[in-house]
Amino acid sequence: MIELRDVSCGYGDRVILESVNLSLPRGKVLALIGTSGGGKTTVLRLLGRQIRPLKGQVLFDGQDLAPLQLDQLYAVRRRMGMLFQFGALFTDLSVFENVAFPLREHTTLPESMIRDLVLMKLNAVGLRGARDLMPAEVSGGMARRVALARAIALDPDLVLYDEPFAGLDPISLGVAARLIRDLNDALGLTSVIVSHDIHETFAIADEVVMIANGRVVAQGTPDELRHSEDPLVQQFVGAHADGPVRFHQPAVPVAQDFGLGAAA
């Protein structure tokens, strides 16, 4: 479904990704993990063609995204759903209207069919009874589920998740993770998840890619990454304070910084 071939990209003179290769078969869940600033969200921006690679190809269903004209790009994006971090609901629209928005924007379906589709999507995330509430009237976990219903409103082939578990309590987090896996399987989706939550992400992912310093440093099943002998992977998965990513930033010796050497 998606493939990055020898992709390098960045912002201005700053290179974020360098010679990255990865692919995801249709119907699978791919998790992107790694240290902050390593390039995970940049991969999502490449897949949505918000940015173009400096070199290499970003393919969606075999189609190179870079040369697409605007109308072609919009047609491709209609086959994608996006769950933004913290939901990004329209605050002045009800739960129902938020989910109906992409259907009204991108289709000519009659209102009766839009109503049925919206209620079906809300029922799939357990929130059919919250249809008339405003975003300010629902919890953070419920808002994330409304955003998920909106992301699948157009029955996309690919759904991108940017930190879907951030800020959720343990119950809401578990519900969100189960929904992502269940909807992926039930609807035949392909999913890409950027997350720092190792436990929940590993529980639902088919494949995990770790990105650090602009490169893919590890790729495999969750179990393969758990048993990796790479020190950086071990530190990240095990949440160790020190390792290849140092606790202390490079600095002059303590004695020199505090003038102790001169006093001696």
C-alpha atoms as a PDB file:
ATOM      1  CA  MET A   1       0.000   0.000   0.000  1.00  0.00           C
ATOM      2  CA  ILE A   2       2.764   2.460   0.885  1.00  0.00           C
ATOM      3  CA  GLU A   3       6.453   2.479   0.088  1.00  0.00           C
ATOM      4  CA  LEU A   4       9.340   4.858   0.628  1.00  0.00           C
ATOM      5  CA  ARG A   5      12.238   4.263  -1.765  1.00  0.00           C
ATOM      6  CA  ASP A   6      15.578   5.813  -0.817  1.00  0.00           C
ATOM      7  CA  VAL A   7      13.827   8.912   0.522  1.00  0.00           C
ATOM      8  CA  SER A   8      15.682  11.924   1.867  1.00  0.00           C
ATOM      9  CA  CYS A   9      13.899  15.087   2.968  1.00  0.00           C
ATOM     10  CA  GLY A  10      14.199  18.036   5.286  1.00  0.00           C
ATOM     11  CA  TYR A  11      13.316  21.630   5.957  1.00  0.00           C
ATOM     12  CA  GLY A  12      15.631  24.232   4.457  1.00  0.00           C
ATOM     13  CA  ASP A  13      19.215  23.132   5.031  1.00  0.00           C
ATOM     14  CA  ARG A  14      18.218  20.725   7.795  1.00  0.00           C
ATOM     15  CA  VAL A  15      17.994  17.094   6.649  1.00  0.00           C
ATOM     16  CA  ILE A  16      15.445  15.104   8.698  1.00  0.00           C
ATOM     17  CA  LEU A  17      15.369  11.788   6.819  1.00  0.00           C
ATOM     18  CA  GLU A  18      18.235  10.343   4.813  1.00  0.00           C
ATOM     19  CA  SER A  19      18.019   7.352   2.452  1.00  0.00           C
ATOM     20  CA  VAL A  20      14.974   5.840   4.173  1.00  0.00           C
ATOM     21  CA  ASN A  21      13.400   2.680   2.769  1.00  0.00           C
ATOM     22  CA  LEU A  22      10.252   1.110   4.151  1.00  0.00           C
ATOM     23  CA  SER A  23       7.122  -0.595   2.875  1.00  0.00           C
ATOM     24  CA  LEU A  24       3.796  -1.687   4.317  1.00  0.00           C
ATOM     25  CA  PRO A  25       1.586  -4.389   2.799  1.00  0.00           C
ATOM     26  CA  ARG A  26      -2.125  -3.755   2.440  1.00  0.00           C
ATOM     27  CA  GLY A  27      -4.238  -4.536   5.507  1.00  0.00           C
ATOM     28  CA  LYS A  28      -1.424  -4.272   8.073  1.00  0.00           C
ATOM     29  CA  VAL A  29      -0.722  -1.960  11.012  1.00  0.00           C
ATOM     30  CA  LEU A  30       2.695  -0.267  10.953  1.00  0.00           C
ATOM     31  CA  ALA A  31       4.033   1.512  14.029  1.00  0.00           C
ATOM     32  CA  LEU A  32       6.663   4.232  13.725  1.00  0.00           C
ATOM     33  CA  ILE A  33       8.641   4.712  16.929  1.00  0.00           C
ATOM     34  CA  GLY A  34      11.790   6.590  17.854  1.00  0.00           C
ATOM     35  CA  THR A  35      13.181   9.532  19.751  1.00  0.00           C
ATOM     36  CA  SER A  36      11.571  12.962  19.503  1.00  0.00           C
ATOM     37  CA  GLY A  37      12.664  14.842  16.403  1.00  0.00           C
ATOM     38  CA  GLY A  38      13.802  11.668  14.672  1.00  0.00           C
ATOM     39  CA  GLY A  39      11.511  12.056  11.661  1.00  0.00           C
ATOM     40  CA  LYS A  40       8.374  10.029  12.457  1.00  0.00           C
ATOM     41  CA  THR A  41       5.847  12.813  11.840  1.00  0.00           C
ATOM     42  CA  THR A  42       7.837  13.796   8.747  1.00  0.00           C
ATOM     43  CA  VAL A  43       6.993  10.359   7.320  1.00  0.00           C
ATOM     44  CA  LEU A  44       3.287  11.125   7.819  1.00  0.00           C
ATOM     45  CA  ARG A  45       3.717  14.467   6.042  1.00  0.00           C
ATOM     46  CA  LEU A  46       5.413  12.700   3.153  1.00  0.00           C
ATOM     47  CA  LEU A  47       2.566  10.193   2.884  1.00  0.00           C
ATOM     48  CA  GLY A  48       0.023  13.016   2.779  1.00  0.00           C
ATOM     49  CA  ARG A  49       2.219  14.935   0.318  1.00  0.00           C
ATOM     50  CA  GLN A  50       2.355  17.947   2.623  1.00  0.00           C
ATOM     51  CA  ILE A  51       6.042  17.927   1.774  1.00  0.00           C
ATOM     52  CA  ARG A  52       7.996  16.420  -1.102  1.00  0.00           C
ATOM     53  CA  PRO A  53      11.192  14.387  -0.752  1.00  0.00           C
ATOM     54  CA  LEU A  54      14.499  15.932  -1.751  1.00  0.00           C
ATOM     55  CA  LYS A  55      15.263  12.620  -3.424  1.00  0.00           C
ATOM     56  CA  GLY A  56      13.634   9.232  -3.747  1.00  0.00           C
ATOM     57  CA  GLN A  57      10.005   8.231  -4.190  1.00  0.00           C
ATOM     58  CA  VAL A  58       6.962   8.089  -1.913  1.00  0.00           C
ATOM     59  CA  LEU A  59       4.469   5.607  -3.368  1.00  0.00           C
ATOM     60  CA  PHE A  60       0.818   5.147  -2.424  1.00  0.00           C
ATOM     61  CA  ASP A  61      -0.781   2.072  -3.975  1.00  0.00           C
ATOM     62  CA  GLY A  62       2.020   2.096  -6.563  1.00  0.00           C
ATOM     63  CA  GLN A  63       1.564   5.777  -7.460  1.00  0.00           C
ATOM     64  CA  ASP A  64       4.384   8.298  -6.969  1.00  0.00           C
ATOM     65  CA  LEU A  65       2.942  11.225  -4.998  1.00  0.00           C
ATOM     66  CA  ALA A  66       5.524  13.883  -5.856  1.00  0.00           C
ATOM     67  CA  PRO A  67       4.488  14.726  -9.461  1.00  0.00           C
ATOM     68  CA  LEU A  68       0.712  14.731  -8.844  1.00  0.00           C
ATOM     69  CA  GLN A  69      -1.260  17.810  -9.856  1.00  0.00           C
ATOM     70  CA  LEU A  70      -3.593  19.336  -7.265  1.00  0.00           C
ATOM     71  CA  ASP A  71      -6.769  17.596  -8.460  1.00  0.00           C
ATOM     72  CA  GLN A  72      -4.934  14.259  -8.620  1.00  0.00           C
ATOM     73  CA  LEU A  73      -3.506  14.802  -5.139  1.00  0.00           C
ATOM     74  CA  TYR A  74      -6.949  15.580  -3.694  1.00  0.00           C
ATOM     75  CA  ALA A  75      -8.305  12.399  -5.270  1.00  0.00           C
ATOM     76  CA  VAL A  76      -5.527  10.379  -3.597  1.00  0.00           C
ATOM     77  CA  ARG A  77      -6.049  12.108  -0.260  1.00  0.00           C
ATOM     78  CA  ARG A  78      -9.718  11.134  -0.312  1.00  0.00           C
ATOM     79  CA  ARG A  79      -8.455   7.572   0.009  1.00  0.00           C
ATOM     80  CA  MET A  80      -6.634   8.511   3.226  1.00  0.00           C
ATOM     81  CA  GLY A  81      -7.926   9.221   6.711  1.00  0.00           C
ATOM     82  CA  MET A  82      -6.026  11.205   9.325  1.00  0.00           C
ATOM     83  CA  LEU A  83      -6.351  11.087  13.096  1.00  0.00           C
ATOM     84  CA  PHE A  84      -4.610  14.202  14.374  1.00  0.00           C
ATOM     85  CA  GLN A  85      -2.980  14.408  17.771  1.00  0.00           C
ATOM     86  CA  PHE A  86      -5.665  15.349  20.339  1.00  0.00           C
ATOM     87  CA  GLY A  87      -8.411  14.889  17.710  1.00  0.00           C
ATOM     88  CA  ALA A  88      -8.547  18.380  16.147  1.00  0.00           C
ATOM     89  CA  LEU A  89     -12.353  18.455  16.103  1.00  0.00           C
ATOM     90  CA  PHE A  90     -14.212  21.506  14.831  1.00  0.00           C
ATOM     91  CA  THR A  91     -15.200  23.096  18.132  1.00  0.00           C
ATOM     92  CA  ASP A  92     -18.312  24.844  16.772  1.00  0.00           C
ATOM     93  CA  LEU A  93     -19.758  21.670  15.202  1.00  0.00           C
ATOM     94  CA  SER A  94     -21.527  18.886  17.071  1.00  0.00           C
ATOM     95  CA  VAL A  95     -20.193  15.336  17.204  1.00  0.00           C
ATOM     96  CA  PHE A  96     -22.590  14.390  14.387  1.00  0.00           C
ATOM     97  CA  GLU A  97     -21.604  17.371  12.227  1.00  0.00           C
ATOM     98  CA  ASN A  98     -17.885  16.684  12.714  1.00  0.00           C
ATOM     99  CA  VAL A  99     -18.249  13.182  11.302  1.00  0.00           C
ATOM    100  CA  ALA A 100     -20.612  14.365   8.557  1.00  0.00           C
ATOM    101  CA  PHE A 101     -18.190  17.092   7.431  1.00  0.00           C
ATOM    102  CA  PRO A 102     -15.998  15.000   5.058  1.00  0.00           C
ATOM    103  CA  LEU A 103     -19.080  13.308   3.605  1.00  0.00           C
ATOM    104  CA  ARG A 104     -20.673  16.661   2.788  1.00  0.00           C
ATOM    105  CA  GLU A 105     -17.397  18.091   1.528  1.00  0.00           C
ATOM    106  CA  HIS A 106     -16.396  15.253  -0.785  1.00  0.00           C
ATOM    107  CA  THR A 107     -19.604  13.503  -1.847  1.00  0.00           C
ATOM    108  CA  THR A 108     -23.024  14.342  -3.283  1.00  0.00           C
ATOM    109  CA  LEU A 109     -24.882  11.834  -1.124  1.00  0.00           C
ATOM    110  CA  PRO A 110     -28.385  12.749   0.051  1.00  0.00           C
ATOM    111  CA  GLU A 111     -28.785  13.843   3.667  1.00  0.00           C
ATOM    112  CA  SER A 112     -30.678  10.669   4.557  1.00  0.00           C
ATOM    113  CA  MET A 113     -27.697   8.533   3.507  1.00  0.00           C
ATOM    114  CA  ILE A 114     -25.198  10.851   5.197  1.00  0.00           C
ATOM    115  CA  ARG A 115     -27.209  10.525   8.405  1.00  0.00           C
ATOM    116  CA  ASP A 116     -27.117   6.727   8.234  1.00  0.00           C
ATOM    117  CA  LEU A 117     -23.390   6.649   7.450  1.00  0.00           C
ATOM    118  CA  VAL A 118     -22.538   9.032  10.293  1.00  0.00           C
ATOM    119  CA  LEU A 119     -24.555   6.963  12.782  1.00  0.00           C
ATOM    120  CA  MET A 120     -22.836   3.799  11.524  1.00  0.00           C
ATOM    121  CA  LYS A 121     -19.377   5.321  12.035  1.00  0.00           C
ATOM    122  CA  LEU A 122     -20.302   6.655  15.477  1.00  0.00           C
ATOM    123  CA  ASN A 123     -21.742   3.281  16.424  1.00  0.00           C
ATOM    124  CA  ALA A 124     -18.468   1.626  15.369  1.00  0.00           C
ATOM    125  CA  VAL A 125     -16.608   3.748  17.958  1.00  0.00           C
ATOM    126  CA  GLY A 126     -19.320   3.409  20.600  1.00  0.00           C
ATOM    127  CA  LEU A 127     -20.569   7.001  20.460  1.00  0.00           C
ATOM    128  CA  ARG A 128     -23.870   6.892  18.581  1.00  0.00           C
ATOM    129  CA  GLY A 129     -25.514   8.155  21.772  1.00  0.00           C
ATOM    130  CA  ALA A 130     -23.238  11.225  21.839  1.00  0.00           C
ATOM    131  CA  ARG A 131     -24.230  12.485  18.381  1.00  0.00           C
ATOM    132  CA  ASP A 132     -25.767  15.766  19.611  1.00  0.00           C
ATOM    133  CA  LEU A 133     -22.987  16.746  22.042  1.00  0.00           C
ATOM    134  CA  MET A 134     -20.459  19.462  21.315  1.00  0.00           C
ATOM    135  CA  PRO A 135     -16.695  18.759  21.474  1.00  0.00           C
ATOM    136  CA  ALA A 136     -16.453  20.769  24.721  1.00  0.00           C
ATOM    137  CA  GLU A 137     -18.994  18.386  26.274  1.00  0.00           C
ATOM    138  CA  VAL A 138     -17.069  15.155  25.688  1.00  0.00           C
ATOM    139  CA  SER A 139     -13.971  13.778  27.395  1.00  0.00           C
ATOM    140  CA  GLY A 140     -10.551  13.628  25.783  1.00  0.00           C
ATOM    141  CA  GLY A 141     -10.928   9.910  25.088  1.00  0.00           C
ATOM    142  CA  MET A 142     -14.374  10.405  23.554  1.00  0.00           C
ATOM    143  CA  ALA A 143     -13.071  13.269  21.395  1.00  0.00           C
ATOM    144  CA  ARG A 144     -10.349  10.972  20.075  1.00  0.00           C
ATOM    145  CA  ARG A 145     -12.997   8.378  19.156  1.00  0.00           C
ATOM    146  CA  VAL A 146     -15.111  11.017  17.395  1.00  0.00           C
ATOM    147  CA  ALA A 147     -12.016  11.999  15.425  1.00  0.00           C
ATOM    148  CA  LEU A 148     -11.493   8.336  14.528  1.00  0.00           C
ATOM    149  CA  ALA A 149     -15.091   8.091  13.278  1.00  0.00           C
ATOM    150  CA  ARG A 150     -14.443  11.179  11.142  1.00  0.00           C
ATOM    151  CA  ALA A 151     -11.175   9.699   9.824  1.00  0.00           C
ATOM    152  CA  ILE A 152     -12.990   6.594   8.533  1.00  0.00           C
ATOM    153  CA  ALA A 153     -16.093   8.450   7.286  1.00  0.00           C
ATOM    154  CA  LEU A 154     -15.086   8.122   3.609  1.00  0.00           C
ATOM    155  CA  ASP A 155     -14.022   4.462   3.975  1.00  0.00           C
ATOM    156  CA  PRO A 156     -10.333   5.190   3.276  1.00  0.00           C
ATOM    157  CA  ASP A 157      -7.731   2.642   2.264  1.00  0.00           C
ATOM    158  CA  LEU A 158      -5.051   4.167   4.503  1.00  0.00           C
ATOM    159  CA  VAL A 159      -5.395   5.778   7.947  1.00  0.00           C
ATOM    160  CA  LEU A 160      -2.572   7.808   9.509  1.00  0.00           C
ATOM    161  CA  TYR A 161      -2.446   8.229  13.291  1.00  0.00           C
ATOM    162  CA  ASP A 162      -0.313  10.957  14.872  1.00  0.00           C
ATOM    163  CA  GLU A 163       0.182  10.135  18.577  1.00  0.00           C
ATOM    164  CA  PRO A 164      -3.320   8.652  19.009  1.00  0.00           C
ATOM    165  CA  PHE A 165      -2.685   7.718  22.663  1.00  0.00           C
ATOM    166  CA  ALA A 166      -1.223  11.007  23.903  1.00  0.00           C
ATOM    167  CA  GLY A 167      -2.899  12.394  27.026  1.00  0.00           C
ATOM    168  CA  LEU A 168      -5.372   9.521  27.483  1.00  0.00           C
ATOM    169  CA  ASP A 169      -6.127   7.754  30.749  1.00  0.00           C
ATOM    170  CA  PRO A 170      -5.438   3.979  30.843  1.00  0.00           C
ATOM    171  CA  ILE A 171      -9.045   3.004  30.050  1.00  0.00           C
ATOM    172  CA  SER A 172      -9.390   5.445  27.133  1.00  0.00           C
ATOM    173  CA  LEU A 173      -5.961   4.436  25.873  1.00  0.00           C
ATOM    174  CA  GLY A 174      -6.883   0.759  25.871  1.00  0.00           C
ATOM    175  CA  VAL A 175     -10.182   1.490  24.115  1.00  0.00           C
ATOM    176  CA  ALA A 176      -8.446   3.584  21.433  1.00  0.00           C
ATOM    177  CA  ALA A 177      -5.847   0.895  20.795  1.00  0.00           C
ATOM    178  CA  ARG A 178      -8.471  -1.841  20.495  1.00  0.00           C
ATOM    179  CA  LEU A 179     -10.539   0.290  18.122  1.00  0.00           C
ATOM    180  CA  ILE A 180      -7.557   0.940  15.844  1.00  0.00           C
ATOM    181  CA  ARG A 181      -6.833  -2.788  15.576  1.00  0.00           C
ATOM    182  CA  ASP A 182     -10.460  -3.887  15.261  1.00  0.00           C
ATOM    183  CA  LEU A 183     -11.381  -1.256  12.663  1.00  0.00           C
ATOM    184  CA  ASN A 184      -8.244  -2.021  10.674  1.00  0.00           C
ATOM    185  CA  ASP A 185      -9.230  -5.676  10.447  1.00  0.00           C
ATOM    186  CA  ALA A 186     -12.991  -5.188  10.023  1.00  0.00           C
ATOM    187  CA  LEU A 187     -12.741  -2.519   7.321  1.00  0.00           C
ATOM    188  CA  GLY A 188      -9.662  -3.870   5.554  1.00  0.00           C
ATOM    189  CA  LEU A 189      -7.662  -0.725   6.277  1.00  0.00           C
ATOM    190  CA  THR A 190      -3.932  -0.135   6.213  1.00  0.00           C
ATOM    191  CA  SER A 191      -2.740   1.870   9.224  1.00  0.00           C
ATOM    192  CA  VAL A 192       0.368   3.849  10.148  1.00  0.00           C
ATOM    193  CA  ILE A 193       0.734   4.837  13.810  1.00  0.00           C
ATOM    194  CA  VAL A 194       3.251   7.312  15.199  1.00  0.00           C
ATOM    195  CA  SER A 195       3.432   6.747  18.937  1.00  0.00           C
ATOM    196  CA  HIS A 196       5.707   6.773  21.965  1.00  0.00           C
ATOM    197  CA  ASP A 197       3.477   4.352  23.883  1.00  0.00           C
ATOM    198  CA  ILE A 198       5.450   1.132  23.488  1.00  0.00           C
ATOM    199  CA  HIS A 199       3.107  -1.221  25.372  1.00  0.00           C
ATOM    200  CA  GLU A 200      -0.131  -0.408  23.535  1.00  0.00           C
ATOM    201  CA  THR A 201       1.550   0.128  20.165  1.00  0.00           C
ATOM    202  CA  PHE A 202       3.380  -3.209  20.261  1.00  0.00           C
ATOM    203  CA  ALA A 203       0.122  -4.933  21.242  1.00  0.00           C
ATOM    204  CA  ILE A 204      -1.657  -3.922  18.008  1.00  0.00           C
ATOM    205  CA  ALA A 205       1.115  -3.506  15.407  1.00  0.00           C
ATOM    206  CA  ASP A 206       2.036  -6.086  12.783  1.00  0.00           C
ATOM    207  CA  GLU A 207       5.312  -4.326  11.966  1.00  0.00           C
ATOM    208  CA  VAL A 208       7.403  -1.785  13.876  1.00  0.00           C
ATOM    209  CA  VAL A 209       9.907   0.628  12.355  1.00  0.00           C
ATOM    210  CA  MET A 210      12.272   2.569  14.601  1.00  0.00           C
ATOM    211  CA  ILE A 211      13.602   5.832  13.179  1.00  0.00           C
ATOM    212  CA  ALA A 212      16.510   7.686  14.773  1.00  0.00           C
ATOM    213  CA  ASN A 213      18.967  10.255  13.499  1.00  0.00           C
ATOM    214  CA  GLY A 214      17.103  10.387  10.197  1.00  0.00           C
ATOM    215  CA  ARG A 215      17.469   6.698   9.407  1.00  0.00           C
ATOM    216  CA  VAL A 216      15.666   3.407   9.928  1.00  0.00           C
ATOM    217  CA  VAL A 217      17.678   1.725  12.682  1.00  0.00           C
ATOM    218  CA  ALA A 218      15.411  -1.286  13.234  1.00  0.00           C
ATOM    219  CA  GLN A 219      12.432  -2.928  11.563  1.00  0.00           C
ATOM    220  CA  GLY A 220      10.522  -6.083  12.366  1.00  0.00           C
ATOM    221  CA  THR A 221       7.699  -7.546  14.404  1.00  0.00           C
ATOM    222  CA  PRO A 222       7.129  -6.222  17.942  1.00  0.00           C
ATOM    223  CA  ASP A 223       8.676  -9.390  19.343  1.00  0.00           C
ATOM    224  CA  GLU A 224      11.771  -8.987  17.173  1.00  0.00           C
ATOM    225  CA  LEU A 225      12.316  -5.437  18.446  1.00  0.00           C
ATOM    226  CA  ARG A 226      11.792  -6.521  22.051  1.00  0.00           C
ATOM    227  CA  HIS A 227      14.657  -9.006  21.639  1.00  0.00           C
ATOM    228  CA  SER A 228      16.888  -6.769  19.512  1.00  0.00           C
ATOM    229  CA  GLU A 229      20.530  -6.556  20.548  1.00  0.00           C
ATOM    230  CA  ASP A 230      20.900  -3.031  19.172  1.00  0.00           C
ATOM    231  CA  PRO A 231      21.781  -0.770  22.157  1.00  0.00           C
ATOM    232  CA  LEU A 232      19.588   2.091  20.918  1.00  0.00           C
ATOM    233  CA  VAL A 233      16.585  -0.189  20.436  1.00  0.00           C
ATOM    234  CA  GLN A 234      17.164  -1.743  23.874  1.00  0.00           C
ATOM    235  CA  GLN A 235      17.329   1.686  25.503  1.00  0.00           C
ATOM    236  CA  PHE A 236      14.178   2.953  23.801  1.00  0.00           C
ATOM    237  CA  VAL A 237      12.034  -0.146  24.252  1.00  0.00           C
ATOM    238  CA  GLY A 238      13.251  -0.634  27.820  1.00  0.00           C
ATOM    239  CA  ALA A 239      12.916   3.085  28.693  1.00  0.00           C
ATOM    240  CA  HIS A 240      16.454   3.189  30.109  1.00  0.00           C
ATOM    241  CA  ALA A 241      17.673   6.617  31.219  1.00  0.00           C
ATOM    242  CA  ASP A 242      21.168   6.185  29.810  1.00  0.00           C
ATOM    243  CA  GLY A 243      22.582   4.507  26.738  1.00  0.00           C
ATOM    244  CA  PRO A 244      23.353   5.691  23.210  1.00  0.00           C
ATOM    245  CA  VAL A 245      21.011   8.598  23.985  1.00  0.00           C
ATOM    246  CA  ARG A 246      22.952  10.173  26.841  1.00  0.00           C
ATOM    247  CA  PHE A 247      21.378  11.482  30.042  1.00  0.00           C
ATOM    248  CA  HIS A 248      24.065  14.175  30.290  1.00  0.00           C
ATOM    249  CA  GLN A 249      24.599  16.517  27.363  1.00  0.00           C
ATOM    250  CA  PRO A 250      28.261  16.966  26.389  1.00  0.00           C
ATOM    251  CA  ALA A 251      29.861  19.626  28.607  1.00  0.00           C
ATOM    252  CA  VAL A 252      33.199  20.747  29.972  1.00  0.00           C
ATOM    253  CA  PRO A 253      34.350  19.006  33.179  1.00  0.00           C
ATOM    254  CA  VAL A 254      32.379  19.922  36.314  1.00  0.00           C
ATOM    255  CA  ALA A 255      35.494  21.220  38.075  1.00  0.00           C
ATOM    256  CA  GLN A 256      36.213  23.598  35.207  1.00  0.00           C
ATOM    257  CA  ASP A 257      32.594  24.849  35.066  1.00  0.00           C
ATOM    258  CA  PHE A 258      32.564  25.673  38.789  1.00  0.00           C
ATOM    259  CA  GLY A 259      36.068  27.088  38.837  1.00  0.00           C
ATOM    260  CA  LEU A 260      37.325  24.406  41.182  1.00  0.00           C
ATOM    261  CA  GLY A 261      40.421  23.761  39.142  1.00  0.00           C
ATOM    262  CA  ALA A 262      41.546  27.383  39.451  1.00  0.00           C
ATOM    263  CA  ALA A 263      40.886  27.409  43.206  1.00  0.00           C
ATOM    264  CA  ALA A 264      42.977  24.306  43.711  1.00  0.00           C
END
